[in-house]
Amino acid sequence: MGRRKIIWSHRAEIKLFKILEFYAERNKSKTYSIKLYQRLNKELKTLLKQPDIGLNTEIESVRGLIVDDYILFYEYDNEKIVVHSIWDCRQNPDDLIIK
């Protein structure tokens, strides 16, 4: 068995970029954005070892990993972990689109 890879969907990449950009503009510094990005990557590395630690969601194969104020929605198999979306829990849940 080979090593699992993390793959970000296009939607997840865009949402991540918008979140990091928001904090960089609001704080007039990239410091928090860098720390948040590092924190998310650290948690994703944990998923590589223990991909089933996320919570079950309404979509059977999708799990959610809580990281501070965010949820990373992902699916996994023996070869990859696909991050479908990142969600700020302070947003309106009616606007949530996972896949």
PDB file of N, CA and C in Angstrom:
ATOM      1  N   MET A   1       0.844  -1.186   0.000  1.00  0.00           N
ATOM      2  CA  MET A   1       0.000   0.000   0.000  1.00  0.00           C
ATOM      3  C   MET A   1       0.884   1.242   0.000  1.00  0.00           C
ATOM      4  N   GLY A   2       0.584   2.183  -0.885  1.00  0.00           N
ATOM      5  CA  GLY A   2       1.345   3.424  -0.972  1.00  0.00           C
ATOM      6  C   GLY A   2       0.866   4.456   0.028  1.00  0.00           C
ATOM      7  N   ARG A   3       1.512   5.554   0.003  1.00  0.00           N
ATOM      8  CA  ARG A   3       1.163   6.643   0.913  1.00  0.00           C
ATOM      9  C   ARG A   3      -0.003   7.452   0.345  1.00  0.00           C
ATOM     10  N   ARG A   4      -0.958   7.770   1.191  1.00  0.00           N
ATOM     11  CA  ARG A   4      -2.115   8.570   0.808  1.00  0.00           C
ATOM     12  C   ARG A   4      -1.694  10.002   0.477  1.00  0.00           C
ATOM     13  N   LYS A   5      -2.396  10.639  -0.469  1.00  0.00           N
ATOM     14  CA  LYS A   5      -2.141  12.037  -0.835  1.00  0.00           C
ATOM     15  C   LYS A   5      -3.356  12.882  -0.474  1.00  0.00           C
ATOM     16  N   ILE A   6      -3.115  14.155  -0.209  1.00  0.00           N
ATOM     17  CA  ILE A   6      -4.205  15.096   0.028  1.00  0.00           C
ATOM     18  C   ILE A   6      -4.450  15.864  -1.259  1.00  0.00           C
ATOM     19  N   ILE A   7      -5.701  15.890  -1.693  1.00  0.00           N
ATOM     20  CA  ILE A   7      -6.089  16.598  -2.901  1.00  0.00           C
ATOM     21  C   ILE A   7      -7.183  17.593  -2.526  1.00  0.00           C
ATOM     22  N   TRP A   8      -6.960  18.862  -2.877  1.00  0.00           N
ATOM     23  CA  TRP A   8      -7.954  19.906  -2.638  1.00  0.00           C
ATOM     24  C   TRP A   8      -8.811  20.062  -3.890  1.00  0.00           C
ATOM     25  N   SER A   9     -10.136  20.025  -3.729  1.00  0.00           N
ATOM     26  CA  SER A   9     -11.020  20.297  -4.862  1.00  0.00           C
ATOM     27  C   SER A   9     -10.904  21.773  -5.223  1.00  0.00           C
ATOM     28  N   HIS A  10     -11.362  22.099  -6.399  1.00  0.00           N
ATOM     29  CA  HIS A  10     -11.322  23.495  -6.842  1.00  0.00           C
ATOM     30  C   HIS A  10     -12.116  24.384  -5.879  1.00  0.00           C
ATOM     31  N   ARG A  11     -13.290  23.927  -5.473  1.00  0.00           N
ATOM     32  CA  ARG A  11     -14.133  24.687  -4.536  1.00  0.00           C
ATOM     33  C   ARG A  11     -13.400  24.930  -3.219  1.00  0.00           C
ATOM     34  N   ALA A  12     -12.756  23.890  -2.701  1.00  0.00           N
ATOM     35  CA  ALA A  12     -12.043  24.010  -1.426  1.00  0.00           C
ATOM     36  C   ALA A  12     -10.870  24.978  -1.547  1.00  0.00           C
ATOM     37  N   GLU A  13     -10.145  24.928  -2.655  1.00  0.00           N
ATOM     38  CA  GLU A  13      -9.029  25.855  -2.859  1.00  0.00           C
ATOM     39  C   GLU A  13      -9.504  27.300  -2.881  1.00  0.00           C
ATOM     40  N   ILE A  14     -10.602  27.555  -3.571  1.00  0.00           N
ATOM     41  CA  ILE A  14     -11.147  28.914  -3.659  1.00  0.00           C
ATOM     42  C   ILE A  14     -11.590  29.400  -2.285  1.00  0.00           C
ATOM     43  N   LYS A  15     -12.312  28.551  -1.545  1.00  0.00           N
ATOM     44  CA  LYS A  15     -12.776  28.950  -0.216  1.00  0.00           C
ATOM     45  C   LYS A  15     -11.598  29.204   0.728  1.00  0.00           C
ATOM     46  N   LEU A  16     -10.583  28.351   0.663  1.00  0.00           N
ATOM     47  CA  LEU A  16      -9.399  28.543   1.499  1.00  0.00           C
ATOM     48  C   LEU A  16      -8.721  29.867   1.157  1.00  0.00           C
ATOM     49  N   PHE A  17      -8.539  30.136  -0.124  1.00  0.00           N
ATOM     50  CA  PHE A  17      -7.908  31.375  -0.553  1.00  0.00           C
ATOM     51  C   PHE A  17      -8.692  32.588  -0.055  1.00  0.00           C
ATOM     52  N   LYS A  18     -10.023  32.545  -0.170  1.00  0.00           N
ATOM     53  CA  LYS A  18     -10.858  33.667   0.281  1.00  0.00           C
ATOM     54  C   LYS A  18     -10.739  33.883   1.790  1.00  0.00           C
ATOM     55  N   ILE A  19     -10.699  32.801   2.548  1.00  0.00           N
ATOM     56  CA  ILE A  19     -10.555  32.912   4.004  1.00  0.00           C
ATOM     57  C   ILE A  19      -9.214  33.543   4.358  1.00  0.00           C
ATOM     58  N   LEU A  20      -8.136  33.032   3.764  1.00  0.00           N
ATOM     59  CA  LEU A  20      -6.802  33.561   4.062  1.00  0.00           C
ATOM     60  C   LEU A  20      -6.664  35.010   3.608  1.00  0.00           C
ATOM     61  N   GLU A  21      -7.237  35.327   2.460  1.00  0.00           N
ATOM     62  CA  GLU A  21      -7.198  36.696   1.941  1.00  0.00           C
ATOM     63  C   GLU A  21      -7.985  37.648   2.848  1.00  0.00           C
ATOM     64  N   PHE A  22      -9.137  37.191   3.334  1.00  0.00           N
ATOM     65  CA  PHE A  22      -9.956  38.011   4.229  1.00  0.00           C
ATOM     66  C   PHE A  22      -9.160  38.436   5.466  1.00  0.00           C
ATOM     67  N   TYR A  23      -8.504  37.470   6.107  1.00  0.00           N
ATOM     68  CA  TYR A  23      -7.750  37.800   7.317  1.00  0.00           C
ATOM     69  C   TYR A  23      -6.536  38.664   7.025  1.00  0.00           C
ATOM     70  N   ALA A  24      -5.887  38.439   5.900  1.00  0.00           N
ATOM     71  CA  ALA A  24      -4.732  39.265   5.539  1.00  0.00           C
ATOM     72  C   ALA A  24      -5.151  40.711   5.330  1.00  0.00           C
ATOM     73  N   GLU A  25      -6.288  40.929   4.669  1.00  0.00           N
ATOM     74  CA  GLU A  25      -6.783  42.295   4.432  1.00  0.00           C
ATOM     75  C   GLU A  25      -7.309  42.921   5.720  1.00  0.00           C
ATOM     76  N   ARG A  26      -8.077  42.172   6.468  1.00  0.00           N
ATOM     77  CA  ARG A  26      -8.664  42.716   7.697  1.00  0.00           C
ATOM     78  C   ARG A  26      -7.598  43.084   8.720  1.00  0.00           C
ATOM     79  N   ASN A  27      -6.602  42.208   8.872  1.00  0.00           N
ATOM     80  CA  ASN A  27      -5.565  42.424   9.886  1.00  0.00           C
ATOM     81  C   ASN A  27      -4.397  43.261   9.379  1.00  0.00           C
ATOM     82  N   LYS A  28      -4.405  43.575   8.074  1.00  0.00           N
ATOM     83  CA  LYS A  28      -3.290  44.320   7.459  1.00  0.00           C
ATOM     84  C   LYS A  28      -1.963  43.599   7.670  1.00  0.00           C
ATOM     85  N   SER A  29      -2.035  42.268   7.739  1.00  0.00           N
ATOM     86  CA  SER A  29      -0.854  41.441   7.950  1.00  0.00           C
ATOM     87  C   SER A  29      -1.197  40.014   7.539  1.00  0.00           C
ATOM     88  N   LYS A  30      -0.217  39.294   7.046  1.00  0.00           N
ATOM     89  CA  LYS A  30      -0.427  37.906   6.654  1.00  0.00           C
ATOM     90  C   LYS A  30      -0.152  36.929   7.802  1.00  0.00           C
ATOM     91  N   THR A  31       0.228  37.427   8.959  1.00  0.00           N
ATOM     92  CA  THR A  31       0.642  36.571  10.073  1.00  0.00           C
ATOM     93  C   THR A  31      -0.441  35.562  10.465  1.00  0.00           C
ATOM     94  N   TYR A  32      -1.662  36.034  10.699  1.00  0.00           N
ATOM     95  CA  TYR A  32      -2.725  35.108  11.103  1.00  0.00           C
ATOM     96  C   TYR A  32      -3.055  34.132   9.984  1.00  0.00           C
ATOM     97  N   SER A  33      -3.089  34.609   8.749  1.00  0.00           N
ATOM     98  CA  SER A  33      -3.381  33.733   7.614  1.00  0.00           C
ATOM     99  C   SER A  33      -2.355  32.614   7.517  1.00  0.00           C
ATOM    100  N   ILE A  34      -1.109  32.935   7.734  1.00  0.00           N
ATOM    101  CA  ILE A  34      -0.047  31.925   7.696  1.00  0.00           C
ATOM    102  C   ILE A  34      -0.249  30.904   8.816  1.00  0.00           C
ATOM    103  N   LYS A  35      -0.551  31.395  10.020  1.00  0.00           N
ATOM    104  CA  LYS A  35      -0.771  30.490  11.157  1.00  0.00           C
ATOM    105  C   LYS A  35      -1.972  29.579  10.913  1.00  0.00           C
ATOM    106  N   LEU A  36      -3.055  30.136  10.372  1.00  0.00           N
ATOM    107  CA  LEU A  36      -4.244  29.341  10.088  1.00  0.00           C
ATOM    108  C   LEU A  36      -3.931  28.279   9.032  1.00  0.00           C
ATOM    109  N   TYR A  37      -3.225  28.657   7.986  1.00  0.00           N
ATOM    110  CA  TYR A  37      -2.848  27.721   6.929  1.00  0.00           C
ATOM    111  C   TYR A  37      -1.984  26.590   7.499  1.00  0.00           C
ATOM    112  N   GLN A  38      -1.045  26.933   8.360  1.00  0.00           N
ATOM    113  CA  GLN A  38      -0.192  25.920   8.989  1.00  0.00           C
ATOM    114  C   GLN A  38      -1.011  24.990   9.880  1.00  0.00           C
ATOM    115  N   ARG A  39      -1.959  25.546  10.604  1.00  0.00           N
ATOM    116  CA  ARG A  39      -2.821  24.741  11.485  1.00  0.00           C
ATOM    117  C   ARG A  39      -3.658  23.753  10.668  1.00  0.00           C
ATOM    118  N   LEU A  40      -4.232  24.237   9.564  1.00  0.00           N
ATOM    119  CA  LEU A  40      -5.027  23.358   8.711  1.00  0.00           C
ATOM    120  C   LEU A  40      -4.164  22.234   8.137  1.00  0.00           C
ATOM    121  N   ASN A  41      -2.970  22.568   7.694  1.00  0.00           N
ATOM    122  CA  ASN A  41      -2.064  21.551   7.150  1.00  0.00           C
ATOM    123  C   ASN A  41      -1.651  20.533   8.203  1.00  0.00           C
ATOM    124  N   LYS A  42      -1.451  21.001   9.424  1.00  0.00           N
ATOM    125  CA  LYS A  42      -1.100  20.083  10.509  1.00  0.00           C
ATOM    126  C   LYS A  42      -2.219  19.066  10.730  1.00  0.00           C
ATOM    127  N   GLU A  43      -3.450  19.546  10.732  1.00  0.00           N
ATOM    128  CA  GLU A  43      -4.593  18.649  10.931  1.00  0.00           C
ATOM    129  C   GLU A  43      -4.761  17.701   9.750  1.00  0.00           C
ATOM    130  N   LEU A  44      -4.479  18.174   8.545  1.00  0.00           N
ATOM    131  CA  LEU A  44      -4.560  17.304   7.378  1.00  0.00           C
ATOM    132  C   LEU A  44      -3.502  16.200   7.448  1.00  0.00           C
ATOM    133  N   LYS A  45      -2.342  16.505   7.989  1.00  0.00           N
ATOM    134  CA  LYS A  45      -1.312  15.483   8.156  1.00  0.00           C
ATOM    135  C   LYS A  45      -1.777  14.414   9.145  1.00  0.00           C
ATOM    136  N   THR A  46      -2.529  14.830  10.151  1.00  0.00           N
ATOM    137  CA  THR A  46      -3.102  13.865  11.088  1.00  0.00           C
ATOM    138  C   THR A  46      -4.089  12.952  10.356  1.00  0.00           C
ATOM    139  N   LEU A  47      -4.860  13.544   9.432  1.00  0.00           N
ATOM    140  CA  LEU A  47      -5.809  12.745   8.652  1.00  0.00           C
ATOM    141  C   LEU A  47      -5.108  11.675   7.819  1.00  0.00           C
ATOM    142  N   LEU A  48      -3.906  11.982   7.349  1.00  0.00           N
ATOM    143  CA  LEU A  48      -3.171  11.000   6.561  1.00  0.00           C
ATOM    144  C   LEU A  48      -2.955   9.718   7.359  1.00  0.00           C
ATOM    145  N   LYS A  49      -2.757   9.864   8.664  1.00  0.00           N
ATOM    146  CA  LYS A  49      -2.524   8.702   9.531  1.00  0.00           C
ATOM    147  C   LYS A  49      -3.821   8.099  10.040  1.00  0.00           C
ATOM    148  N   GLN A  50      -4.811   8.961  10.309  1.00  0.00           N
ATOM    149  CA  GLN A  50      -6.078   8.510  10.886  1.00  0.00           C
ATOM    150  C   GLN A  50      -7.251   9.163  10.146  1.00  0.00           C
ATOM    151  N   PRO A  51      -7.527   8.726   8.930  1.00  0.00           N
ATOM    152  CA  PRO A  51      -8.536   9.411   8.113  1.00  0.00           C
ATOM    153  C   PRO A  51      -9.969   9.299   8.622  1.00  0.00           C
ATOM    154  N   ASP A  52     -10.217   8.400   9.539  1.00  0.00           N
ATOM    155  CA  ASP A  52     -11.587   8.228  10.025  1.00  0.00           C
ATOM    156  C   ASP A  52     -11.900   9.047  11.273  1.00  0.00           C
ATOM    157  N   ILE A  53     -11.023   9.989  11.658  1.00  0.00           N
ATOM    158  CA  ILE A  53     -11.271  10.761  12.881  1.00  0.00           C
ATOM    159  C   ILE A  53     -12.322  11.855  12.700  1.00  0.00           C
ATOM    160  N   GLY A  54     -12.625  12.216  11.465  1.00  0.00           N
ATOM    161  CA  GLY A  54     -13.648  13.235  11.225  1.00  0.00           C
ATOM    162  C   GLY A  54     -15.035  12.720  11.559  1.00  0.00           C
ATOM    163  N   LEU A  55     -15.940  13.646  11.754  1.00  0.00           N
ATOM    164  CA  LEU A  55     -17.326  13.307  12.085  1.00  0.00           C
ATOM    165  C   LEU A  55     -18.101  12.906  10.836  1.00  0.00           C
ATOM    166  N   ASN A  56     -19.045  11.992  10.992  1.00  0.00           N
ATOM    167  CA  ASN A  56     -19.920  11.625   9.881  1.00  0.00           C
ATOM    168  C   ASN A  56     -20.804  12.811   9.512  1.00  0.00           C
ATOM    169  N   THR A  57     -21.146  12.912   8.241  1.00  0.00           N
ATOM    170  CA  THR A  57     -22.042  13.973   7.769  1.00  0.00           C
ATOM    171  C   THR A  57     -23.283  13.330   7.161  1.00  0.00           C
ATOM    172  N   GLU A  58     -24.170  14.172   6.642  1.00  0.00           N
ATOM    173  CA  GLU A  58     -25.378  13.665   5.999  1.00  0.00           C
ATOM    174  C   GLU A  58     -25.059  12.913   4.711  1.00  0.00           C
ATOM    175  N   ILE A  59     -23.919  13.235   4.099  1.00  0.00           N
ATOM    176  CA  ILE A  59     -23.483  12.524   2.901  1.00  0.00           C
ATOM    177  C   ILE A  59     -22.644  11.341   3.379  1.00  0.00           C
ATOM    178  N   GLU A  60     -23.055  10.150   3.032  1.00  0.00           N
ATOM    179  CA  GLU A  60     -22.496   8.930   3.623  1.00  0.00           C
ATOM    180  C   GLU A  60     -20.970   8.837   3.591  1.00  0.00           C
ATOM    181  N   SER A  61     -20.350   9.153   2.480  1.00  0.00           N
ATOM    182  CA  SER A  61     -18.902   8.958   2.363  1.00  0.00           C
ATOM    183  C   SER A  61     -18.086  10.177   2.794  1.00  0.00           C
ATOM    184  N   VAL A  62     -18.751  11.272   3.143  1.00  0.00           N
ATOM    185  CA  VAL A  62     -18.063  12.516   3.500  1.00  0.00           C
ATOM    186  C   VAL A  62     -17.986  12.661   5.012  1.00  0.00           C
ATOM    187  N   ARG A  63     -16.822  13.064   5.474  1.00  0.00           N
ATOM    188  CA  ARG A  63     -16.598  13.305   6.906  1.00  0.00           C
ATOM    189  C   ARG A  63     -16.216  14.764   7.096  1.00  0.00           C
ATOM    190  N   GLY A  64     -16.342  15.251   8.321  1.00  0.00           N
ATOM    191  CA  GLY A  64     -15.993  16.631   8.627  1.00  0.00           C
ATOM    192  C   GLY A  64     -15.010  16.695   9.784  1.00  0.00           C
ATOM    193  N   LEU A  65     -13.911  17.392   9.563  1.00  0.00           N
ATOM    194  CA  LEU A  65     -12.898  17.559  10.603  1.00  0.00           C
ATOM    195  C   LEU A  65     -12.962  18.995  11.110  1.00  0.00           C
ATOM    196  N   ILE A  66     -13.221  19.156  12.396  1.00  0.00           N
ATOM    197  CA  ILE A  66     -13.311  20.482  13.004  1.00  0.00           C
ATOM    198  C   ILE A  66     -11.913  20.974  13.333  1.00  0.00           C
ATOM    199  N   VAL A  67     -11.595  22.170  12.824  1.00  0.00           N
ATOM    200  CA  VAL A  67     -10.316  22.818  13.093  1.00  0.00           C
ATOM    201  C   VAL A  67     -10.628  24.261  13.482  1.00  0.00           C
ATOM    202  N   ASP A  68     -10.549  24.553  14.767  1.00  0.00           N
ATOM    203  CA  ASP A  68     -10.889  25.880  15.294  1.00  0.00           C
ATOM    204  C   ASP A  68     -12.319  26.240  14.879  1.00  0.00           C
ATOM    205  N   ASP A  69     -12.510  27.319  14.118  1.00  0.00           N
ATOM    206  CA  ASP A  69     -13.848  27.758  13.703  1.00  0.00           C
ATOM    207  C   ASP A  69     -14.247  27.194  12.343  1.00  0.00           C
ATOM    208  N   TYR A  70     -13.543  26.211  11.852  1.00  0.00           N
ATOM    209  CA  TYR A  70     -13.747  25.694  10.499  1.00  0.00           C
ATOM    210  C   TYR A  70     -14.004  24.197  10.516  1.00  0.00           C
ATOM    211  N   ILE A  71     -14.668  23.740   9.463  1.00  0.00           N
ATOM    212  CA  ILE A  71     -14.839  22.312   9.237  1.00  0.00           C
ATOM    213  C   ILE A  71     -14.284  22.000   7.854  1.00  0.00           C
ATOM    214  N   LEU A  72     -13.390  21.031   7.800  1.00  0.00           N
ATOM    215  CA  LEU A  72     -12.881  20.525   6.526  1.00  0.00           C
ATOM    216  C   LEU A  72     -13.735  19.317   6.163  1.00  0.00           C
ATOM    217  N   PHE A  73     -14.435  19.394   5.034  1.00  0.00           N
ATOM    218  CA  PHE A  73     -15.243  18.274   4.566  1.00  0.00           C
ATOM    219  C   PHE A  73     -14.423  17.474   3.569  1.00  0.00           C
ATOM    220  N   TYR A  74     -14.329  16.165   3.791  1.00  0.00           N
ATOM    221  CA  TYR A  74     -13.448  15.345   2.969  1.00  0.00           C
ATOM    222  C   TYR A  74     -13.977  13.927   2.800  1.00  0.00           C
ATOM    223  N   GLU A  75     -13.442  13.251   1.790  1.00  0.00           N
ATOM    224  CA  GLU A  75     -13.651  11.832   1.568  1.00  0.00           C
ATOM    225  C   GLU A  75     -12.278  11.188   1.473  1.00  0.00           C
ATOM    226  N   TYR A  76     -12.206   9.914   1.751  1.00  0.00           N
ATOM    227  CA  TYR A  76     -10.915   9.254   1.638  1.00  0.00           C
ATOM    228  C   TYR A  76     -11.059   7.818   1.151  1.00  0.00           C
ATOM    229  N   ASP A  77      -9.960   7.339   0.581  1.00  0.00           N
ATOM    230  CA  ASP A  77      -9.823   5.933   0.249  1.00  0.00           C
ATOM    231  C   ASP A  77      -8.366   5.552   0.524  1.00  0.00           C
ATOM    232  N   ASN A  78      -7.920   4.431   0.027  1.00  0.00           N
ATOM    233  CA  ASN A  78      -6.551   3.977   0.310  1.00  0.00           C
ATOM    234  C   ASN A  78      -5.478   4.828  -0.350  1.00  0.00           C
ATOM    235  N   GLU A  79      -5.840   5.595  -1.375  1.00  0.00           N
ATOM    236  CA  GLU A  79      -4.855   6.366  -2.128  1.00  0.00           C
ATOM    237  C   GLU A  79      -4.871   7.858  -1.855  1.00  0.00           C
ATOM    238  N   LYS A  80      -6.036   8.393  -1.457  1.00  0.00           N
ATOM    239  CA  LYS A  80      -6.137   9.855  -1.356  1.00  0.00           C
ATOM    240  C   LYS A  80      -7.178  10.299  -0.333  1.00  0.00           C
ATOM    241  N   ILE A  81      -6.983  11.557   0.084  1.00  0.00           N
ATOM    242  CA  ILE A  81      -7.991  12.273   0.868  1.00  0.00           C
ATOM    243  C   ILE A  81      -8.368  13.478   0.026  1.00  0.00           C
ATOM    244  N   VAL A  82      -9.636  13.575  -0.330  1.00  0.00           N
ATOM    245  CA  VAL A  82     -10.102  14.693  -1.145  1.00  0.00           C
ATOM    246  C   VAL A  82     -10.833  15.676  -0.245  1.00  0.00           C
ATOM    247  N   VAL A  83     -10.296  16.895  -0.135  1.00  0.00           N
ATOM    248  CA  VAL A  83     -10.944  17.948   0.639  1.00  0.00           C
ATOM    249  C   VAL A  83     -11.938  18.619  -0.307  1.00  0.00           C
ATOM    250  N   HIS A  84     -13.225  18.477   0.003  1.00  0.00           N
ATOM    251  CA  HIS A  84     -14.271  19.027  -0.859  1.00  0.00           C
ATOM    252  C   HIS A  84     -14.570  20.486  -0.552  1.00  0.00           C
ATOM    253  N   SER A  85     -14.492  20.843   0.718  1.00  0.00           N
ATOM    254  CA  SER A  85     -14.839  22.209   1.092  1.00  0.00           C
ATOM    255  C   SER A  85     -14.276  22.527   2.473  1.00  0.00           C
ATOM    256  N   ILE A  86     -14.136  23.810   2.731  1.00  0.00           N
ATOM    257  CA  ILE A  86     -13.801  24.284   4.072  1.00  0.00           C
ATOM    258  C   ILE A  86     -14.907  25.261   4.446  1.00  0.00           C
ATOM    259  N   TRP A  87     -15.424  25.110   5.640  1.00  0.00           N
ATOM    260  CA  TRP A  87     -16.597  25.881   6.053  1.00  0.00           C
ATOM    261  C   TRP A  87     -16.317  26.620   7.350  1.00  0.00           C
ATOM    262  N   ASP A  88     -16.593  27.913   7.351  1.00  0.00           N
ATOM    263  CA  ASP A  88     -16.505  28.722   8.557  1.00  0.00           C
ATOM    264  C   ASP A  88     -17.803  28.507   9.325  1.00  0.00           C
ATOM    265  N   CYS A  89     -17.723  27.944  10.513  1.00  0.00           N
ATOM    266  CA  CYS A  89     -18.911  27.587  11.298  1.00  0.00           C
ATOM    267  C   CYS A  89     -19.742  28.794  11.726  1.00  0.00           C
ATOM    268  N   ARG A  90     -19.201  29.984  11.568  1.00  0.00           N
ATOM    269  CA  ARG A  90     -19.936  31.196  11.948  1.00  0.00           C
ATOM    270  C   ARG A  90     -20.834  31.688  10.823  1.00  0.00           C
ATOM    271  N   GLN A  91     -20.849  30.994   9.695  1.00  0.00           N
ATOM    272  CA  GLN A  91     -21.687  31.377   8.561  1.00  0.00           C
ATOM    273  C   GLN A  91     -23.064  30.725   8.679  1.00  0.00           C
ATOM    274  N   ASN A  92     -23.983  31.197   7.850  1.00  0.00           N
ATOM    275  CA  ASN A  92     -25.327  30.649   7.817  1.00  0.00           C
ATOM    276  C   ASN A  92     -25.274  29.221   7.278  1.00  0.00           C
ATOM    277  N   PRO A  93     -25.708  28.229   8.045  1.00  0.00           N
ATOM    278  CA  PRO A  93     -25.634  26.830   7.583  1.00  0.00           C
ATOM    279  C   PRO A  93     -26.477  26.556   6.351  1.00  0.00           C
ATOM    280  N   ASP A  94     -27.456  27.394   6.065  1.00  0.00           N
ATOM    281  CA  ASP A  94     -28.275  27.211   4.876  1.00  0.00           C
ATOM    282  C   ASP A  94     -27.472  27.414   3.587  1.00  0.00           C
ATOM    283  N   ASP A  95     -26.327  28.103   3.687  1.00  0.00           N
ATOM    284  CA  ASP A  95     -25.493  28.375   2.527  1.00  0.00           C
ATOM    285  C   ASP A  95     -24.448  27.292   2.283  1.00  0.00           C
ATOM    286  N   LEU A  96     -24.396  26.279   3.124  1.00  0.00           N
ATOM    287  CA  LEU A  96     -23.372  25.244   3.030  1.00  0.00           C
ATOM    288  C   LEU A  96     -23.565  24.360   1.806  1.00  0.00           C
ATOM    289  N   ILE A  97     -22.492  24.251   1.011  1.00  0.00           N
ATOM    290  CA  ILE A  97     -22.442  23.315  -0.117  1.00  0.00           C
ATOM    291  C   ILE A  97     -21.170  22.495   0.072  1.00  0.00           C
ATOM    292  N   ILE A  98     -21.313  21.206   0.244  1.00  0.00           N
ATOM    293  CA  ILE A  98     -20.154  20.358   0.517  1.00  0.00           C
ATOM    294  C   ILE A  98     -19.505  19.869  -0.773  1.00  0.00           C
ATOM    295  N   LYS A  99     -20.274  19.344  -1.675  1.00  0.00           N
ATOM    296  CA  LYS A  99     -19.740  18.781  -2.921  1.00  0.00           C
ATOM    297  C   LYS A  99     -20.356  19.442  -4.116  1.00  0.00           C
TER     298      LYS A  99
END
